N, C-alpha and C. Protein backbone atom coordinates (compact mmCIF):
# COMPACT_ATOMS: atom_id res chain seq x y z
N UNK A 1 59.31 -26.86 -92.70
CA UNK A 1 60.13 -28.02 -92.43
C UNK A 1 59.46 -29.23 -93.08
N UNK A 2 60.25 -30.22 -93.40
CA UNK A 2 59.74 -31.44 -94.01
C UNK A 2 60.74 -32.01 -94.98
N UNK A 3 60.31 -33.04 -95.67
CA UNK A 3 61.14 -33.67 -96.69
C UNK A 3 61.25 -32.74 -97.90
N UNK A 4 62.22 -32.99 -98.78
CA UNK A 4 62.35 -32.13 -99.96
C UNK A 4 61.04 -31.99 -100.76
N UNK A 5 60.28 -33.06 -100.87
CA UNK A 5 59.01 -32.98 -101.61
C UNK A 5 58.02 -32.07 -100.87
N UNK A 6 58.05 -32.07 -99.53
CA UNK A 6 57.18 -31.18 -98.77
C UNK A 6 57.56 -29.73 -99.02
N UNK A 7 58.85 -29.45 -98.99
CA UNK A 7 59.32 -28.08 -99.22
C UNK A 7 58.95 -27.61 -100.62
N UNK A 8 59.09 -28.49 -101.60
CA UNK A 8 58.76 -28.13 -102.98
C UNK A 8 57.27 -27.90 -103.16
N UNK A 9 56.44 -28.71 -102.50
CA UNK A 9 54.98 -28.61 -102.67
C UNK A 9 54.35 -27.56 -101.77
N UNK A 10 55.04 -27.14 -100.71
CA UNK A 10 54.51 -26.11 -99.83
C UNK A 10 53.61 -26.64 -98.72
N UNK A 11 53.62 -27.93 -98.47
CA UNK A 11 52.86 -28.52 -97.38
C UNK A 11 53.53 -29.81 -96.96
N UNK A 12 53.15 -30.31 -95.77
CA UNK A 12 53.68 -31.58 -95.29
C UNK A 12 52.73 -32.69 -95.69
N UNK A 13 53.25 -33.69 -96.40
CA UNK A 13 52.45 -34.84 -96.81
C UNK A 13 52.30 -35.82 -95.65
N UNK A 14 51.08 -36.22 -95.37
CA UNK A 14 50.79 -37.25 -94.38
C UNK A 14 50.12 -38.42 -95.08
N UNK A 15 50.10 -39.54 -94.41
CA UNK A 15 49.34 -40.71 -94.85
C UNK A 15 48.56 -41.23 -93.66
N UNK A 16 47.41 -41.81 -93.93
CA UNK A 16 46.65 -42.46 -92.87
C UNK A 16 47.27 -43.82 -92.60
N UNK A 17 46.85 -44.46 -91.52
CA UNK A 17 47.37 -45.80 -91.20
C UNK A 17 47.12 -46.77 -92.35
N UNK A 18 46.00 -46.65 -93.02
CA UNK A 18 45.70 -47.57 -94.12
C UNK A 18 46.48 -47.24 -95.39
N UNK A 19 47.10 -46.08 -95.46
CA UNK A 19 47.88 -45.67 -96.62
C UNK A 19 49.39 -45.86 -96.43
N UNK A 20 49.82 -46.14 -95.21
CA UNK A 20 51.25 -46.17 -94.88
C UNK A 20 52.07 -47.15 -95.72
N UNK A 21 51.63 -48.38 -95.80
CA UNK A 21 52.42 -49.40 -96.48
C UNK A 21 52.65 -49.03 -97.94
N UNK A 22 51.60 -48.61 -98.62
CA UNK A 22 51.74 -48.23 -100.03
C UNK A 22 52.60 -46.98 -100.21
N UNK A 23 52.43 -46.00 -99.34
CA UNK A 23 53.23 -44.78 -99.42
C UNK A 23 54.71 -45.08 -99.23
N UNK A 24 55.03 -45.89 -98.23
CA UNK A 24 56.43 -46.25 -97.97
C UNK A 24 57.03 -46.99 -99.16
N UNK A 25 56.29 -47.93 -99.73
CA UNK A 25 56.80 -48.70 -100.86
C UNK A 25 56.99 -47.84 -102.10
N UNK A 26 56.07 -46.91 -102.32
CA UNK A 26 56.11 -46.09 -103.53
C UNK A 26 57.14 -44.97 -103.47
N UNK A 27 57.25 -44.33 -102.32
CA UNK A 27 58.09 -43.12 -102.23
C UNK A 27 59.38 -43.28 -101.44
N UNK A 28 59.49 -44.36 -100.64
CA UNK A 28 60.64 -44.50 -99.77
C UNK A 28 61.24 -45.90 -99.81
N UNK A 29 61.07 -46.61 -100.90
CA UNK A 29 61.55 -47.99 -101.02
C UNK A 29 63.04 -48.09 -100.71
N UNK A 30 63.38 -49.02 -99.82
CA UNK A 30 64.77 -49.30 -99.50
C UNK A 30 65.45 -48.32 -98.56
N UNK A 31 64.79 -47.21 -98.21
CA UNK A 31 65.42 -46.22 -97.32
C UNK A 31 65.48 -46.77 -95.90
N UNK A 32 66.63 -46.60 -95.27
CA UNK A 32 66.83 -47.16 -93.93
C UNK A 32 66.84 -46.11 -92.83
N UNK A 33 66.78 -44.84 -93.17
CA UNK A 33 66.91 -43.78 -92.17
C UNK A 33 65.58 -43.08 -91.88
N UNK A 34 64.48 -43.79 -92.00
CA UNK A 34 63.16 -43.17 -91.84
C UNK A 34 62.64 -43.28 -90.42
N UNK A 35 61.83 -42.30 -90.05
CA UNK A 35 61.10 -42.33 -88.79
C UNK A 35 59.61 -42.32 -89.10
N UNK A 36 58.86 -43.10 -88.36
CA UNK A 36 57.41 -43.08 -88.45
C UNK A 36 56.91 -42.19 -87.31
N UNK A 37 56.16 -41.16 -87.67
CA UNK A 37 55.66 -40.21 -86.68
C UNK A 37 54.14 -40.28 -86.69
N UNK A 38 53.58 -40.68 -85.56
CA UNK A 38 52.13 -40.73 -85.41
C UNK A 38 51.67 -39.39 -84.84
N UNK A 39 50.63 -38.83 -85.44
CA UNK A 39 50.15 -37.50 -85.09
C UNK A 39 48.65 -37.56 -84.80
N UNK A 40 48.21 -36.81 -83.80
CA UNK A 40 46.79 -36.65 -83.52
C UNK A 40 46.25 -35.59 -84.47
N UNK A 41 45.61 -36.05 -85.53
CA UNK A 41 45.13 -35.14 -86.57
C UNK A 41 44.15 -34.11 -86.03
N UNK A 42 43.40 -34.47 -85.01
CA UNK A 42 42.43 -33.55 -84.44
C UNK A 42 43.05 -32.32 -83.82
N UNK A 43 44.31 -32.40 -83.46
CA UNK A 43 44.99 -31.25 -82.87
C UNK A 43 45.56 -30.28 -83.91
N UNK A 44 45.51 -30.64 -85.17
CA UNK A 44 46.14 -29.81 -86.20
C UNK A 44 45.23 -28.73 -86.74
N UNK A 45 43.95 -28.81 -86.44
CA UNK A 45 43.01 -27.77 -86.84
C UNK A 45 42.84 -27.63 -88.35
N UNK A 46 42.45 -26.43 -88.78
CA UNK A 46 42.14 -26.22 -90.19
C UNK A 46 43.36 -26.23 -91.12
N UNK A 47 44.57 -26.25 -90.55
CA UNK A 47 45.76 -26.33 -91.41
C UNK A 47 45.87 -27.70 -92.07
N UNK A 48 45.17 -28.71 -91.52
CA UNK A 48 45.17 -30.05 -92.11
C UNK A 48 43.99 -30.15 -93.07
N UNK A 49 44.32 -30.43 -94.33
CA UNK A 49 43.27 -30.57 -95.34
C UNK A 49 43.39 -31.95 -95.98
N UNK A 50 42.28 -32.43 -96.52
CA UNK A 50 42.24 -33.73 -97.18
C UNK A 50 42.05 -33.47 -98.67
N UNK A 51 43.03 -33.92 -99.45
CA UNK A 51 43.01 -33.63 -100.88
C UNK A 51 43.20 -34.91 -101.68
N UNK A 52 42.55 -34.97 -102.84
CA UNK A 52 42.67 -36.19 -103.66
C UNK A 52 44.05 -36.32 -104.29
N UNK A 53 44.53 -37.55 -104.33
CA UNK A 53 45.78 -37.85 -105.03
C UNK A 53 45.46 -38.11 -106.49
N UNK A 54 46.48 -38.41 -107.26
CA UNK A 54 46.26 -38.72 -108.68
C UNK A 54 45.31 -39.90 -108.85
N UNK A 55 45.33 -40.85 -107.90
CA UNK A 55 44.46 -42.01 -107.96
C UNK A 55 43.08 -41.78 -107.37
N UNK A 56 42.86 -40.60 -106.79
CA UNK A 56 41.56 -40.27 -106.24
C UNK A 56 41.43 -40.48 -104.75
N UNK A 57 42.37 -41.20 -104.11
CA UNK A 57 42.33 -41.36 -102.66
C UNK A 57 42.57 -40.01 -101.99
N UNK A 58 41.94 -39.79 -100.86
CA UNK A 58 42.15 -38.56 -100.11
C UNK A 58 43.35 -38.73 -99.17
N UNK A 59 44.27 -37.78 -99.25
CA UNK A 59 45.45 -37.79 -98.39
C UNK A 59 45.46 -36.52 -97.55
N UNK A 60 45.89 -36.63 -96.29
CA UNK A 60 45.99 -35.44 -95.44
C UNK A 60 47.26 -34.65 -95.75
N UNK A 61 47.10 -33.34 -95.86
CA UNK A 61 48.22 -32.43 -96.11
C UNK A 61 48.16 -31.33 -95.06
N UNK A 62 49.30 -31.01 -94.48
CA UNK A 62 49.37 -29.97 -93.46
C UNK A 62 49.97 -28.71 -94.06
N UNK A 63 49.16 -27.66 -94.14
CA UNK A 63 49.60 -26.37 -94.65
C UNK A 63 49.98 -25.47 -93.47
N UNK A 64 51.15 -25.72 -92.93
CA UNK A 64 51.63 -24.95 -91.80
C UNK A 64 52.61 -25.80 -91.02
N UNK A 65 53.15 -25.24 -89.96
CA UNK A 65 54.12 -26.00 -89.17
C UNK A 65 53.43 -27.11 -88.38
N UNK A 66 54.17 -28.17 -88.12
CA UNK A 66 53.67 -29.27 -87.31
C UNK A 66 53.82 -28.90 -85.83
N UNK A 67 52.70 -28.77 -85.14
CA UNK A 67 52.73 -28.51 -83.70
C UNK A 67 53.19 -29.79 -83.01
N UNK A 68 54.35 -29.75 -82.39
CA UNK A 68 54.93 -30.96 -81.80
C UNK A 68 54.09 -31.54 -80.67
N UNK A 69 53.19 -30.75 -80.10
CA UNK A 69 52.31 -31.30 -79.07
C UNK A 69 51.29 -32.27 -79.66
N UNK A 70 51.12 -32.27 -80.98
CA UNK A 70 50.21 -33.20 -81.65
C UNK A 70 50.87 -34.55 -81.94
N UNK A 71 52.19 -34.64 -81.75
CA UNK A 71 52.91 -35.88 -82.03
C UNK A 71 52.65 -36.88 -80.90
N UNK A 72 52.16 -38.05 -81.28
CA UNK A 72 51.84 -39.11 -80.31
C UNK A 72 53.03 -40.03 -80.05
N UNK A 73 53.77 -40.34 -81.11
CA UNK A 73 54.96 -41.19 -80.95
C UNK A 73 55.84 -41.05 -82.18
N UNK A 74 57.12 -41.38 -81.97
CA UNK A 74 58.11 -41.38 -83.04
C UNK A 74 58.88 -42.69 -82.89
N UNK A 75 59.02 -43.42 -83.99
CA UNK A 75 59.75 -44.69 -83.95
C UNK A 75 60.47 -44.91 -85.27
N UNK A 76 61.60 -45.61 -85.22
CA UNK A 76 62.30 -45.93 -86.47
C UNK A 76 61.44 -46.83 -87.34
N UNK A 77 61.55 -46.64 -88.63
CA UNK A 77 60.81 -47.47 -89.59
C UNK A 77 61.82 -48.42 -90.24
N UNK A 78 61.93 -49.61 -89.67
CA UNK A 78 62.93 -50.58 -90.10
C UNK A 78 62.50 -51.32 -91.36
N UNK A 79 63.51 -51.81 -92.08
CA UNK A 79 63.26 -52.67 -93.23
C UNK A 79 63.19 -54.11 -92.77
N UNK A 80 62.25 -54.86 -93.32
CA UNK A 80 62.16 -56.28 -93.04
C UNK A 80 63.15 -57.06 -93.88
N UNK A 81 63.20 -58.35 -93.66
CA UNK A 81 64.10 -59.22 -94.42
C UNK A 81 63.78 -59.21 -95.91
N UNK A 82 62.53 -58.90 -96.24
CA UNK A 82 62.11 -58.86 -97.65
C UNK A 82 62.44 -57.52 -98.32
N UNK A 83 63.05 -56.58 -97.57
CA UNK A 83 63.43 -55.28 -98.13
C UNK A 83 62.31 -54.24 -98.08
N UNK A 84 61.16 -54.63 -97.57
CA UNK A 84 60.04 -53.69 -97.42
C UNK A 84 60.02 -53.18 -95.99
N UNK A 85 59.46 -52.02 -95.79
CA UNK A 85 59.38 -51.47 -94.44
C UNK A 85 58.45 -52.31 -93.58
N UNK A 86 58.83 -52.43 -92.31
CA UNK A 86 58.12 -53.25 -91.36
C UNK A 86 57.18 -52.37 -90.52
N UNK A 87 55.90 -52.71 -90.51
CA UNK A 87 54.90 -51.98 -89.75
C UNK A 87 54.25 -52.93 -88.73
N UNK A 88 54.97 -53.30 -87.68
CA UNK A 88 54.44 -54.30 -86.76
C UNK A 88 53.15 -53.87 -86.06
N UNK A 89 52.98 -52.58 -85.85
CA UNK A 89 51.77 -52.10 -85.15
C UNK A 89 50.52 -52.21 -86.02
N UNK A 90 50.66 -52.45 -87.33
CA UNK A 90 49.51 -52.58 -88.23
C UNK A 90 49.04 -54.03 -88.35
N UNK A 91 49.83 -54.96 -87.85
CA UNK A 91 49.47 -56.38 -87.96
C UNK A 91 48.47 -56.74 -86.88
N UNK A 92 47.52 -57.64 -87.23
CA UNK A 92 46.47 -58.00 -86.24
C UNK A 92 47.05 -58.74 -85.05
């Protein structure tokens, strides 16, 4: 299960909190039907691996199904007035 890119790649792409804004802007710009799902990475075990992206940053990838008991929260990812996704929980 996952987005089309996840199905094509064979794993679920995750981003860390510090990677969220850039990931949303790069891969999901302007999309209004997104959900932000926070996951306890520690509960995912060895199926979660950290792999370098083209830019060298390490991104978490889940090679297996997402255990729903690891999900901490699910919330809509709204667009702000500027057309970028709004991440109010990341603001100081």
